[in-house]
ModelCIF file with pLDDT and N, C-alpha, C, O atoms, coordinates in Angstrom:
data_MODEL
#
_entry.id   MODEL 
#
_entity.id                         1 
_entity.type                       polymer 
_entity.pdbx_number_of_molecules   1 
#
_entity_poly.entity_id                      1 
_entity_poly.type                           'polypeptide(L)' 
_entity_poly.nstd_linkage                   no 
_entity_poly.nstd_monomer                   no 
_entity_poly.pdbx_seq_one_letter_code       GAGAGGDAQYLFADDVLGQNRGHVPRHAKTYRNFAAEYDRLQQERVAA 
_entity_poly.pdbx_seq_one_letter_code_can   GAGAGGDAQYLFADDVLGQNRGHVPRHAKTYRNFAAEYDRLQQERVAA 
_entity_poly.pdbx_strand_id                 A 
#
loop_
_entity_poly_seq.entity_id 
_entity_poly_seq.num 
_entity_poly_seq.mon_id 
_entity_poly_seq.hetero 
1 1  GLY n 
1 2  ALA n 
1 3  GLY n 
1 4  ALA n 
1 5  GLY n 
1 6  GLY n 
1 7  ASP n 
1 8  ALA n 
1 9  GLN n 
1 10 TYR n 
1 11 LEU n 
1 12 PHE n 
1 13 ALA n 
1 14 ASP n 
1 15 ASP n 
1 16 VAL n 
1 17 LEU n 
1 18 GLY n 
1 19 GLN n 
1 20 ASN n 
1 21 ARG n 
1 22 GLY n 
1 23 HIS n 
1 24 VAL n 
1 25 PRO n 
1 26 ARG n 
1 27 HIS n 
1 28 ALA n 
1 29 LYS n 
1 30 THR n 
1 31 TYR n 
1 32 ARG n 
1 33 ASN n 
1 34 PHE n 
1 35 ALA n 
1 36 ALA n 
1 37 GLU n 
1 38 TYR n 
1 39 ASP n 
1 40 ARG n 
1 41 LEU n 
1 42 GLN n 
1 43 GLN n 
1 44 GLU n 
1 45 ARG n 
1 46 VAL n 
1 47 ALA n 
1 48 ALA n 
#
_struct_asym.id          A 
_struct_asym.entity_id   1 
#
loop_
_ma_qa_metric.id 
_ma_qa_metric.mode 
_ma_qa_metric.name 
_ma_qa_metric.software_group_id 
_ma_qa_metric.type 
1 global pLDDT . pLDDT 
2 local  pLDDT . pLDDT 
#
_ma_qa_metric_global.metric_id      1 
_ma_qa_metric_global.metric_value   92.50 
_ma_qa_metric_global.model_id       1 
_ma_qa_metric_global.ordinal_id     1 
#
loop_
_ma_qa_metric_local.label_asym_id 
_ma_qa_metric_local.label_comp_id 
_ma_qa_metric_local.label_seq_id 
_ma_qa_metric_local.metric_id 
_ma_qa_metric_local.metric_value 
_ma_qa_metric_local.model_id 
_ma_qa_metric_local.ordinal_id 
A GLY 1  2 95.00 1 1  
A ALA 2  2 96.00 1 2  
A GLY 3  2 94.00 1 3  
A ALA 4  2 94.00 1 4  
A GLY 5  2 93.00 1 5  
A GLY 6  2 93.00 1 6  
A ASP 7  2 97.00 1 7  
A ALA 8  2 97.00 1 8  
A GLN 9  2 97.00 1 9  
A TYR 10 2 97.00 1 10 
A LEU 11 2 96.00 1 11 
A PHE 12 2 95.00 1 12 
A ALA 13 2 95.00 1 13 
A ASP 14 2 94.00 1 14 
A ASP 15 2 94.00 1 15 
A VAL 16 2 95.00 1 16 
A LEU 17 2 95.00 1 17 
A GLY 18 2 94.00 1 18 
A GLN 19 2 91.00 1 19 
A ASN 20 2 82.00 1 20 
A ARG 21 2 82.00 1 21 
A GLY 22 2 77.00 1 22 
A HIS 23 2 78.00 1 23 
A VAL 24 2 80.00 1 24 
A PRO 25 2 79.00 1 25 
A ARG 26 2 82.00 1 26 
A HIS 27 2 87.00 1 27 
A ALA 28 2 90.00 1 28 
A LYS 29 2 92.00 1 29 
A THR 30 2 93.00 1 30 
A TYR 31 2 90.00 1 31 
A ARG 32 2 93.00 1 32 
A ASN 33 2 93.00 1 33 
A PHE 34 2 94.00 1 34 
A ALA 35 2 94.00 1 35 
A ALA 36 2 94.00 1 36 
A GLU 37 2 95.00 1 37 
A TYR 38 2 94.00 1 38 
A ASP 39 2 95.00 1 39 
A ARG 40 2 96.00 1 40 
A LEU 41 2 96.00 1 41 
A GLN 42 2 96.00 1 42 
A GLN 43 2 97.00 1 43 
A GLU 44 2 98.00 1 44 
A ARG 45 2 97.00 1 45 
A VAL 46 2 98.00 1 46 
A ALA 47 2 98.00 1 47 
A ALA 48 2 98.00 1 48 
#
loop_
_atom_site.group_PDB 
_atom_site.id 
_atom_site.type_symbol 
_atom_site.label_atom_id 
_atom_site.label_alt_id 
_atom_site.label_comp_id 
_atom_site.label_asym_id 
_atom_site.label_entity_id 
_atom_site.label_seq_id 
_atom_site.pdbx_PDB_ins_code 
_atom_site.Cartn_x 
_atom_site.Cartn_y 
_atom_site.Cartn_z 
_atom_site.occupancy 
_atom_site.B_iso_or_equiv 
_atom_site.pdbx_formal_charge 
_atom_site.auth_seq_id 
_atom_site.auth_comp_id 
_atom_site.auth_asym_id 
_atom_site.auth_atom_id 
_atom_site.pdbx_PDB_model_num 
ATOM 1   N N  . GLY A 1 1  ? 0.896   -1.250  -0.064 1.00 95.00 ? 1  GLY A N  1 
ATOM 2   C CA . GLY A 1 1  ? 0.009   -0.013  -0.053 1.00 95.00 ? 1  GLY A CA 1 
ATOM 3   C C  . GLY A 1 1  ? 0.814   1.414   0.063  1.00 95.00 ? 1  GLY A C  1 
ATOM 4   O O  . GLY A 1 1  ? 0.364   2.449   0.555  1.00 95.00 ? 1  GLY A O  1 
ATOM 5   N N  . ALA A 1 2  ? 2.053   1.226   -0.482 1.00 96.00 ? 2  ALA A N  1 
ATOM 6   C CA . ALA A 1 2  ? 3.010   2.380   -0.537 1.00 96.00 ? 2  ALA A CA 1 
ATOM 7   C C  . ALA A 1 2  ? 3.315   2.685   -2.057 1.00 96.00 ? 2  ALA A C  1 
ATOM 8   O O  . ALA A 1 2  ? 4.428   3.159   -2.286 1.00 96.00 ? 2  ALA A O  1 
ATOM 9   N N  . GLY A 1 3  ? 2.557   2.496   -3.007 1.00 94.00 ? 3  GLY A N  1 
ATOM 10  C CA . GLY A 1 3  ? 2.944   2.546   -4.424 1.00 94.00 ? 3  GLY A CA 1 
ATOM 11  C C  . GLY A 1 3  ? 3.899   1.839   -4.991 1.00 94.00 ? 3  GLY A C  1 
ATOM 12  O O  . GLY A 1 3  ? 4.498   0.929   -4.417 1.00 94.00 ? 3  GLY A O  1 
ATOM 13  N N  . ALA A 1 4  ? 4.106   2.219   -6.175 1.00 94.00 ? 4  ALA A N  1 
ATOM 14  C CA . ALA A 1 4  ? 5.112   1.534   -7.160 1.00 94.00 ? 4  ALA A CA 1 
ATOM 15  C C  . ALA A 1 4  ? 6.428   1.948   -7.137 1.00 94.00 ? 4  ALA A C  1 
ATOM 16  O O  . ALA A 1 4  ? 7.122   1.636   -8.105 1.00 94.00 ? 4  ALA A O  1 
ATOM 17  N N  . GLY A 1 5  ? 6.932   2.601   -6.214 1.00 93.00 ? 5  GLY A N  1 
ATOM 18  C CA . GLY A 1 5  ? 8.206   3.207   -6.268 1.00 93.00 ? 5  GLY A CA 1 
ATOM 19  C C  . GLY A 1 5  ? 9.250   2.409   -5.447 1.00 93.00 ? 5  GLY A C  1 
ATOM 20  O O  . GLY A 1 5  ? 10.422  2.769   -5.335 1.00 93.00 ? 5  GLY A O  1 
ATOM 21  N N  . GLY A 1 6  ? 8.645   1.126   -4.796 1.00 93.00 ? 6  GLY A N  1 
ATOM 22  C CA . GLY A 1 6  ? 9.549   0.343   -4.001 1.00 93.00 ? 6  GLY A CA 1 
ATOM 23  C C  . GLY A 1 6  ? 10.136  -0.556  -5.001 1.00 93.00 ? 6  GLY A C  1 
ATOM 24  O O  . GLY A 1 6  ? 10.083  -0.316  -6.207 1.00 93.00 ? 6  GLY A O  1 
ATOM 25  N N  . ASP A 1 7  ? 10.784  -1.757  -4.414 1.00 97.00 ? 7  ASP A N  1 
ATOM 26  C CA . ASP A 1 7  ? 11.409  -2.784  -5.150 1.00 97.00 ? 7  ASP A CA 1 
ATOM 27  C C  . ASP A 1 7  ? 10.526  -4.061  -5.020 1.00 97.00 ? 7  ASP A C  1 
ATOM 28  O O  . ASP A 1 7  ? 10.986  -4.975  -5.704 1.00 97.00 ? 7  ASP A O  1 
ATOM 29  N N  . ALA A 1 8  ? 9.522   -4.353  -4.421 1.00 97.00 ? 8  ALA A N  1 
ATOM 30  C CA . ALA A 1 8  ? 8.512   -5.395  -4.415 1.00 97.00 ? 8  ALA A CA 1 
ATOM 31  C C  . ALA A 1 8  ? 7.170   -4.949  -4.153 1.00 97.00 ? 8  ALA A C  1 
ATOM 32  O O  . ALA A 1 8  ? 6.988   -3.888  -3.555 1.00 97.00 ? 8  ALA A O  1 
ATOM 33  N N  . GLN A 1 9  ? 6.139   -5.720  -4.577 1.00 97.00 ? 9  GLN A N  1 
ATOM 34  C CA . GLN A 1 9  ? 4.783   -5.530  -4.226 1.00 97.00 ? 9  GLN A CA 1 
ATOM 35  C C  . GLN A 1 9  ? 4.337   -6.584  -3.455 1.00 97.00 ? 9  GLN A C  1 
ATOM 36  O O  . GLN A 1 9  ? 4.545   -7.726  -3.866 1.00 97.00 ? 9  GLN A O  1 
ATOM 37  N N  . TYR A 1 10 ? 3.655   -6.373  -2.220 1.00 97.00 ? 10 TYR A N  1 
ATOM 38  C CA . TYR A 1 10 ? 3.242   -7.316  -1.290 1.00 97.00 ? 10 TYR A CA 1 
ATOM 39  C C  . TYR A 1 10 ? 1.858   -7.229  -1.036 1.00 97.00 ? 10 TYR A C  1 
ATOM 40  O O  . TYR A 1 10 ? 1.288   -6.176  -0.749 1.00 97.00 ? 10 TYR A O  1 
ATOM 41  N N  . LEU A 1 11 ? 1.221   -8.525  -1.159 1.00 96.00 ? 11 LEU A N  1 
ATOM 42  C CA . LEU A 1 11 ? -0.312  -8.620  -0.762 1.00 96.00 ? 11 LEU A CA 1 
ATOM 43  C C  . LEU A 1 11 ? -0.418  -9.897  0.075  1.00 96.00 ? 11 LEU A C  1 
ATOM 44  O O  . LEU A 1 11 ? 0.460   -10.761 0.089  1.00 96.00 ? 11 LEU A O  1 
ATOM 45  N N  . PHE A 1 12 ? -1.469  -9.948  0.719  1.00 95.00 ? 12 PHE A N  1 
ATOM 46  C CA . PHE A 1 12 ? -1.857  -11.218 1.487  1.00 95.00 ? 12 PHE A CA 1 
ATOM 47  C C  . PHE A 1 12 ? -2.666  -12.032 0.433  1.00 95.00 ? 12 PHE A C  1 
ATOM 48  O O  . PHE A 1 12 ? -3.561  -11.532 -0.248 1.00 95.00 ? 12 PHE A O  1 
ATOM 49  N N  . ALA A 1 13 ? -2.284  -13.284 0.364  1.00 95.00 ? 13 ALA A N  1 
ATOM 50  C CA . ALA A 1 13 ? -3.144  -14.267 -0.346 1.00 95.00 ? 13 ALA A CA 1 
ATOM 51  C C  . ALA A 1 13 ? -4.533  -14.253 -0.088 1.00 95.00 ? 13 ALA A C  1 
ATOM 52  O O  . ALA A 1 13 ? -5.302  -14.396 -1.038 1.00 95.00 ? 13 ALA A O  1 
ATOM 53  N N  . ASP A 1 14 ? -4.976  -14.098 1.081  1.00 94.00 ? 14 ASP A N  1 
ATOM 54  C CA . ASP A 1 14 ? -6.263  -13.948 1.530  1.00 94.00 ? 14 ASP A CA 1 
ATOM 55  C C  . ASP A 1 14 ? -7.149  -12.898 0.795  1.00 94.00 ? 14 ASP A C  1 
ATOM 56  O O  . ASP A 1 14 ? -8.333  -13.023 0.483  1.00 94.00 ? 14 ASP A O  1 
ATOM 57  N N  . ASP A 1 15 ? -6.377  -11.905 0.599  1.00 94.00 ? 15 ASP A N  1 
ATOM 58  C CA . ASP A 1 15 ? -7.126  -10.541 -0.245 1.00 94.00 ? 15 ASP A CA 1 
ATOM 59  C C  . ASP A 1 15 ? -7.139  -10.867 -1.676 1.00 94.00 ? 15 ASP A C  1 
ATOM 60  O O  . ASP A 1 15 ? -8.107  -10.647 -2.404 1.00 94.00 ? 15 ASP A O  1 
ATOM 61  N N  . VAL A 1 16 ? -5.907  -11.459 -2.101 1.00 95.00 ? 16 VAL A N  1 
ATOM 62  C CA . VAL A 1 16 ? -5.712  -11.758 -3.617 1.00 95.00 ? 16 VAL A CA 1 
ATOM 63  C C  . VAL A 1 16 ? -6.747  -12.865 -4.078 1.00 95.00 ? 16 VAL A C  1 
ATOM 64  O O  . VAL A 1 16 ? -7.070  -12.922 -5.265 1.00 95.00 ? 16 VAL A O  1 
ATOM 65  N N  . LEU A 1 17 ? -7.328  -13.846 -3.038 1.00 95.00 ? 17 LEU A N  1 
ATOM 66  C CA . LEU A 1 17 ? -8.013  -15.081 -3.369 1.00 95.00 ? 17 LEU A CA 1 
ATOM 67  C C  . LEU A 1 17 ? -9.561  -14.437 -3.071 1.00 95.00 ? 17 LEU A C  1 
ATOM 68  O O  . LEU A 1 17 ? -10.522 -15.051 -3.535 1.00 95.00 ? 17 LEU A O  1 
ATOM 69  N N  . GLY A 1 18 ? -9.757  -13.364 -2.401 1.00 94.00 ? 18 GLY A N  1 
ATOM 70  C CA . GLY A 1 18 ? -11.068 -13.115 -2.010 1.00 94.00 ? 18 GLY A CA 1 
ATOM 71  C C  . GLY A 1 18 ? -11.828 -14.002 -1.042 1.00 94.00 ? 18 GLY A C  1 
ATOM 72  O O  . GLY A 1 18 ? -13.030 -14.265 -1.029 1.00 94.00 ? 18 GLY A O  1 
ATOM 73  N N  . GLN A 1 19 ? -10.711 -14.463 -0.117 1.00 91.00 ? 19 GLN A N  1 
ATOM 74  C CA . GLN A 1 19 ? -11.325 -15.445 0.924  1.00 91.00 ? 19 GLN A CA 1 
ATOM 75  C C  . GLN A 1 19 ? -11.116 -14.528 2.373  1.00 91.00 ? 19 GLN A C  1 
ATOM 76  O O  . GLN A 1 19 ? -11.153 -15.154 3.433  1.00 91.00 ? 19 GLN A O  1 
ATOM 77  N N  . ASN A 1 20 ? -10.917 -13.172 2.400  1.00 82.00 ? 20 ASN A N  1 
ATOM 78  C CA . ASN A 1 20 ? -10.946 -12.523 3.666  1.00 82.00 ? 20 ASN A CA 1 
ATOM 79  C C  . ASN A 1 20 ? -12.324 -12.061 3.781  1.00 82.00 ? 20 ASN A C  1 
ATOM 80  O O  . ASN A 1 20 ? -12.806 -11.353 2.896  1.00 82.00 ? 20 ASN A O  1 
ATOM 81  N N  . ARG A 1 21 ? -13.086 -12.459 4.950  1.00 82.00 ? 21 ARG A N  1 
ATOM 82  C CA . ARG A 1 21 ? -14.513 -12.018 5.173  1.00 82.00 ? 21 ARG A CA 1 
ATOM 83  C C  . ARG A 1 21 ? -14.565 -10.657 5.917  1.00 82.00 ? 21 ARG A C  1 
ATOM 84  O O  . ARG A 1 21 ? -15.588 -9.979  6.015  1.00 82.00 ? 21 ARG A O  1 
ATOM 85  N N  . GLY A 1 22 ? -13.356 -10.331 6.428  1.00 77.00 ? 22 GLY A N  1 
ATOM 86  C CA . GLY A 1 22 ? -13.298 -9.138  7.294  1.00 77.00 ? 22 GLY A CA 1 
ATOM 87  C C  . GLY A 1 22 ? -13.098 -7.903  6.607  1.00 77.00 ? 22 GLY A C  1 
ATOM 88  O O  . GLY A 1 22 ? -13.623 -7.835  5.495  1.00 77.00 ? 22 GLY A O  1 
ATOM 89  N N  . HIS A 1 23 ? -12.463 -6.917  7.010  1.00 78.00 ? 23 HIS A N  1 
ATOM 90  C CA . HIS A 1 23 ? -12.072 -5.594  6.369  1.00 78.00 ? 23 HIS A CA 1 
ATOM 91  C C  . HIS A 1 23 ? -11.059 -5.855  5.326  1.00 78.00 ? 23 HIS A C  1 
ATOM 92  O O  . HIS A 1 23 ? -10.042 -6.478  5.632  1.00 78.00 ? 23 HIS A O  1 
ATOM 93  N N  . VAL A 1 24 ? -11.262 -5.405  4.042  1.00 80.00 ? 24 VAL A N  1 
ATOM 94  C CA . VAL A 1 24 ? -10.294 -5.471  2.916  1.00 80.00 ? 24 VAL A CA 1 
ATOM 95  C C  . VAL A 1 24 ? -9.542  -4.125  2.755  1.00 80.00 ? 24 VAL A C  1 
ATOM 96  O O  . VAL A 1 24 ? -10.174 -3.123  2.423  1.00 80.00 ? 24 VAL A O  1 
ATOM 97  N N  . PRO A 1 25 ? -8.319  -4.082  2.963  1.00 79.00 ? 25 PRO A N  1 
ATOM 98  C CA . PRO A 1 25 ? -7.455  -2.955  2.785  1.00 79.00 ? 25 PRO A CA 1 
ATOM 99  C C  . PRO A 1 25 ? -7.715  -2.203  1.642  1.00 79.00 ? 25 PRO A C  1 
ATOM 100 O O  . PRO A 1 25 ? -8.024  -2.783  0.601  1.00 79.00 ? 25 PRO A O  1 
ATOM 101 N N  . ARG A 1 26 ? -7.620  -0.821  1.703  1.00 82.00 ? 26 ARG A N  1 
ATOM 102 C CA . ARG A 1 26 ? -7.692  -0.085  0.317  1.00 82.00 ? 26 ARG A CA 1 
ATOM 103 C C  . ARG A 1 26 ? -6.703  -0.483  -0.639 1.00 82.00 ? 26 ARG A C  1 
ATOM 104 O O  . ARG A 1 26 ? -6.998  -0.406  -1.831 1.00 82.00 ? 26 ARG A O  1 
ATOM 105 N N  . HIS A 1 27 ? -5.433  -0.950  -0.251 1.00 87.00 ? 27 HIS A N  1 
ATOM 106 C CA . HIS A 1 27 ? -4.371  -1.229  -1.266 1.00 87.00 ? 27 HIS A CA 1 
ATOM 107 C C  . HIS A 1 27 ? -4.637  -2.586  -1.810 1.00 87.00 ? 27 HIS A C  1 
ATOM 108 O O  . HIS A 1 27 ? -4.146  -2.881  -2.900 1.00 87.00 ? 27 HIS A O  1 
ATOM 109 N N  . ALA A 1 28 ? -5.401  -3.484  -1.127 1.00 90.00 ? 28 ALA A N  1 
ATOM 110 C CA . ALA A 1 28 ? -5.608  -4.901  -1.577 1.00 90.00 ? 28 ALA A CA 1 
ATOM 111 C C  . ALA A 1 28 ? -6.273  -4.765  -2.870 1.00 90.00 ? 28 ALA A C  1 
ATOM 112 O O  . ALA A 1 28 ? -7.083  -3.880  -3.147 1.00 90.00 ? 28 ALA A O  1 
ATOM 113 N N  . LYS A 1 29 ? -5.825  -5.818  -3.741 1.00 92.00 ? 29 LYS A N  1 
ATOM 114 C CA . LYS A 1 29 ? -6.483  -6.102  -4.984 1.00 92.00 ? 29 LYS A CA 1 
ATOM 115 C C  . LYS A 1 29 ? -7.154  -7.645  -5.128 1.00 92.00 ? 29 LYS A C  1 
ATOM 116 O O  . LYS A 1 29 ? -6.407  -8.623  -5.150 1.00 92.00 ? 29 LYS A O  1 
ATOM 117 N N  . THR A 1 30 ? -8.460  -7.773  -5.213 1.00 93.00 ? 30 THR A N  1 
ATOM 118 C CA . THR A 1 30 ? -8.954  -9.114  -5.240 1.00 93.00 ? 30 THR A CA 1 
ATOM 119 C C  . THR A 1 30 ? -9.117  -9.711  -6.552 1.00 93.00 ? 30 THR A C  1 
ATOM 120 O O  . THR A 1 30 ? -9.755  -9.076  -7.392 1.00 93.00 ? 30 THR A O  1 
ATOM 121 N N  . TYR A 1 31 ? -8.578  -10.961 -6.874 1.00 90.00 ? 31 TYR A N  1 
ATOM 122 C CA . TYR A 1 31 ? -8.603  -11.463 -8.236 1.00 90.00 ? 31 TYR A CA 1 
ATOM 123 C C  . TYR A 1 31 ? -9.498  -12.884 -8.323 1.00 90.00 ? 31 TYR A C  1 
ATOM 124 O O  . TYR A 1 31 ? -9.692  -13.449 -9.399 1.00 90.00 ? 31 TYR A O  1 
ATOM 125 N N  . ARG A 1 32 ? -9.953  -13.323 -7.197 1.00 93.00 ? 32 ARG A N  1 
ATOM 126 C CA . ARG A 1 32 ? -10.992 -14.375 -7.201 1.00 93.00 ? 32 ARG A CA 1 
ATOM 127 C C  . ARG A 1 32 ? -11.894 -14.060 -6.160 1.00 93.00 ? 32 ARG A C  1 
ATOM 128 O O  . ARG A 1 32 ? -11.821 -13.028 -5.494 1.00 93.00 ? 32 ARG A O  1 
ATOM 129 N N  . ASN A 1 33 ? -12.858 -15.062 -5.996 1.00 93.00 ? 33 ASN A N  1 
ATOM 130 C CA . ASN A 1 33 ? -14.033 -14.940 -4.988 1.00 93.00 ? 33 ASN A CA 1 
ATOM 131 C C  . ASN A 1 33 ? -13.999 -16.330 -4.336 1.00 93.00 ? 33 ASN A C  1 
ATOM 132 O O  . ASN A 1 33 ? -14.899 -17.139 -4.561 1.00 93.00 ? 33 ASN A O  1 
ATOM 133 N N  . PHE A 1 34 ? -13.061 -16.583 -3.605 1.00 94.00 ? 34 PHE A N  1 
ATOM 134 C CA . PHE A 1 34 ? -12.895 -17.889 -2.969 1.00 94.00 ? 34 PHE A CA 1 
ATOM 135 C C  . PHE A 1 34 ? -14.147 -17.969 -1.832 1.00 94.00 ? 34 PHE A C  1 
ATOM 136 O O  . PHE A 1 34 ? -14.824 -18.974 -1.615 1.00 94.00 ? 34 PHE A O  1 
ATOM 137 N N  . ALA A 1 35 ? -14.272 -16.784 -1.224 1.00 94.00 ? 35 ALA A N  1 
ATOM 138 C CA . ALA A 1 35 ? -15.451 -16.733 -0.164 1.00 94.00 ? 35 ALA A CA 1 
ATOM 139 C C  . ALA A 1 35 ? -16.797 -17.303 -0.748 1.00 94.00 ? 35 ALA A C  1 
ATOM 140 O O  . ALA A 1 35 ? -17.437 -18.134 -0.102 1.00 94.00 ? 35 ALA A O  1 
ATOM 141 N N  . ALA A 1 36 ? -17.172 -16.901 -1.837 1.00 94.00 ? 36 ALA A N  1 
ATOM 142 C CA . ALA A 1 36 ? -18.383 -17.360 -2.381 1.00 94.00 ? 36 ALA A CA 1 
ATOM 143 C C  . ALA A 1 36 ? -18.380 -19.011 -2.798 1.00 94.00 ? 36 ALA A C  1 
ATOM 144 O O  . ALA A 1 36 ? -19.411 -19.680 -2.863 1.00 94.00 ? 36 ALA A O  1 
ATOM 145 N N  . GLU A 1 37 ? -17.211 -19.455 -3.027 1.00 95.00 ? 37 GLU A N  1 
ATOM 146 C CA . GLU A 1 37 ? -16.800 -20.786 -3.426 1.00 95.00 ? 37 GLU A CA 1 
ATOM 147 C C  . GLU A 1 37 ? -16.905 -21.558 -1.961 1.00 95.00 ? 37 GLU A C  1 
ATOM 148 O O  . GLU A 1 37 ? -17.487 -22.637 -1.845 1.00 95.00 ? 37 GLU A O  1 
ATOM 149 N N  . TYR A 1 38 ? -16.400 -21.011 -1.088 1.00 94.00 ? 38 TYR A N  1 
ATOM 150 C CA . TYR A 1 38 ? -16.494 -21.680 0.227  1.00 94.00 ? 38 TYR A CA 1 
ATOM 151 C C  . TYR A 1 38 ? -17.953 -21.857 0.704  1.00 94.00 ? 38 TYR A C  1 
ATOM 152 O O  . TYR A 1 38 ? -18.371 -22.883 1.240  1.00 94.00 ? 38 TYR A O  1 
ATOM 153 N N  . ASP A 1 39 ? -18.694 -20.732 0.448  1.00 95.00 ? 39 ASP A N  1 
ATOM 154 C CA . ASP A 1 39 ? -19.962 -20.750 0.818  1.00 95.00 ? 39 ASP A CA 1 
ATOM 155 C C  . ASP A 1 39 ? -20.858 -21.903 0.102  1.00 95.00 ? 39 ASP A C  1 
ATOM 156 O O  . ASP A 1 39 ? -21.740 -22.555 0.660  1.00 95.00 ? 39 ASP A O  1 
ATOM 157 N N  . ARG A 1 40 ? -20.462 -22.011 -1.195 1.00 96.00 ? 40 ARG A N  1 
ATOM 158 C CA . ARG A 1 40 ? -21.155 -23.121 -1.969 1.00 96.00 ? 40 ARG A CA 1 
ATOM 159 C C  . ARG A 1 40 ? -20.814 -24.369 -1.452 1.00 96.00 ? 40 ARG A C  1 
ATOM 160 O O  . ARG A 1 40 ? -21.705 -25.185 -1.216 1.00 96.00 ? 40 ARG A O  1 
ATOM 161 N N  . LEU A 1 41 ? -19.483 -24.658 -1.218 1.00 96.00 ? 41 LEU A N  1 
ATOM 162 C CA . LEU A 1 41 ? -19.063 -25.908 -0.742 1.00 96.00 ? 41 LEU A CA 1 
ATOM 163 C C  . LEU A 1 41 ? -19.714 -26.236 0.524  1.00 96.00 ? 41 LEU A C  1 
ATOM 164 O O  . LEU A 1 41 ? -20.040 -27.400 0.756  1.00 96.00 ? 41 LEU A O  1 
ATOM 165 N N  . GLN A 1 42 ? -19.961 -25.138 1.498  1.00 96.00 ? 42 GLN A N  1 
ATOM 166 C CA . GLN A 1 42 ? -20.358 -25.462 2.801  1.00 96.00 ? 42 GLN A CA 1 
ATOM 167 C C  . GLN A 1 42 ? -21.800 -25.990 2.535  1.00 96.00 ? 42 GLN A C  1 
ATOM 168 O O  . GLN A 1 42 ? -22.222 -26.996 3.105  1.00 96.00 ? 42 GLN A O  1 
ATOM 169 N N  . GLN A 1 43 ? -22.503 -25.303 1.687  1.00 97.00 ? 43 GLN A N  1 
ATOM 170 C CA . GLN A 1 43 ? -24.005 -25.731 1.352  1.00 97.00 ? 43 GLN A CA 1 
ATOM 171 C C  . GLN A 1 43 ? -23.904 -27.254 0.860  1.00 97.00 ? 43 GLN A C  1 
ATOM 172 O O  . GLN A 1 43 ? -24.621 -28.128 1.347  1.00 97.00 ? 43 GLN A O  1 
ATOM 173 N N  . GLU A 1 44 ? -23.080 -27.471 -0.013 1.00 98.00 ? 44 GLU A N  1 
ATOM 174 C CA . GLU A 1 44 ? -22.898 -28.832 -0.614 1.00 98.00 ? 44 GLU A CA 1 
ATOM 175 C C  . GLU A 1 44 ? -22.546 -29.699 0.721  1.00 98.00 ? 44 GLU A C  1 
ATOM 176 O O  . GLU A 1 44 ? -23.207 -30.726 0.882  1.00 98.00 ? 44 GLU A O  1 
ATOM 177 N N  . ARG A 1 45 ? -21.560 -29.369 1.688  1.00 97.00 ? 45 ARG A N  1 
ATOM 178 C CA . ARG A 1 45 ? -21.298 -30.135 2.819  1.00 97.00 ? 45 ARG A CA 1 
ATOM 179 C C  . ARG A 1 45 ? -22.434 -30.574 3.698  1.00 97.00 ? 45 ARG A C  1 
ATOM 180 O O  . ARG A 1 45 ? -22.604 -31.733 4.076  1.00 97.00 ? 45 ARG A O  1 
ATOM 181 N N  . VAL A 1 46 ? -23.325 -29.372 4.041  1.00 98.00 ? 46 VAL A N  1 
ATOM 182 C CA . VAL A 1 46 ? -24.356 -29.699 4.857  1.00 98.00 ? 46 VAL A CA 1 
ATOM 183 C C  . VAL A 1 46 ? -25.536 -30.505 4.160  1.00 98.00 ? 46 VAL A C  1 
ATOM 184 O O  . VAL A 1 46 ? -26.281 -31.170 4.881  1.00 98.00 ? 46 VAL A O  1 
ATOM 185 N N  . ALA A 1 47 ? -25.743 -30.470 2.728  1.00 98.00 ? 47 ALA A N  1 
ATOM 186 C CA . ALA A 1 47 ? -26.538 -31.362 2.021  1.00 98.00 ? 47 ALA A CA 1 
ATOM 187 C C  . ALA A 1 47 ? -26.177 -32.713 2.108  1.00 98.00 ? 47 ALA A C  1 
ATOM 188 O O  . ALA A 1 47 ? -27.015 -33.574 2.378  1.00 98.00 ? 47 ALA A O  1 
ATOM 189 N N  . ALA A 1 48 ? -24.679 -33.035 1.846  1.00 98.00 ? 48 ALA A N  1 
ATOM 190 C CA . ALA A 1 48 ? -24.296 -34.299 1.936  1.00 98.00 ? 48 ALA A CA 1 
ATOM 191 C C  . ALA A 1 48 ? -24.473 -34.890 3.206  1.00 98.00 ? 48 ALA A C  1 
ATOM 192 O O  . ALA A 1 48 ? -24.147 -36.062 3.392  1.00 98.00 ? 48 ALA A O  1 
#
């Protein structure tokens, strides 16, 4: 969250994968929606 002027860009996998159900930092970028997939799997788990 400190711009592109450094030497590396650092994010949490939780945020990248969209599995963070709490506060998502402004600097985070989400590339997938694992939370929705986990919800679907939980529904399937209960059904099974």
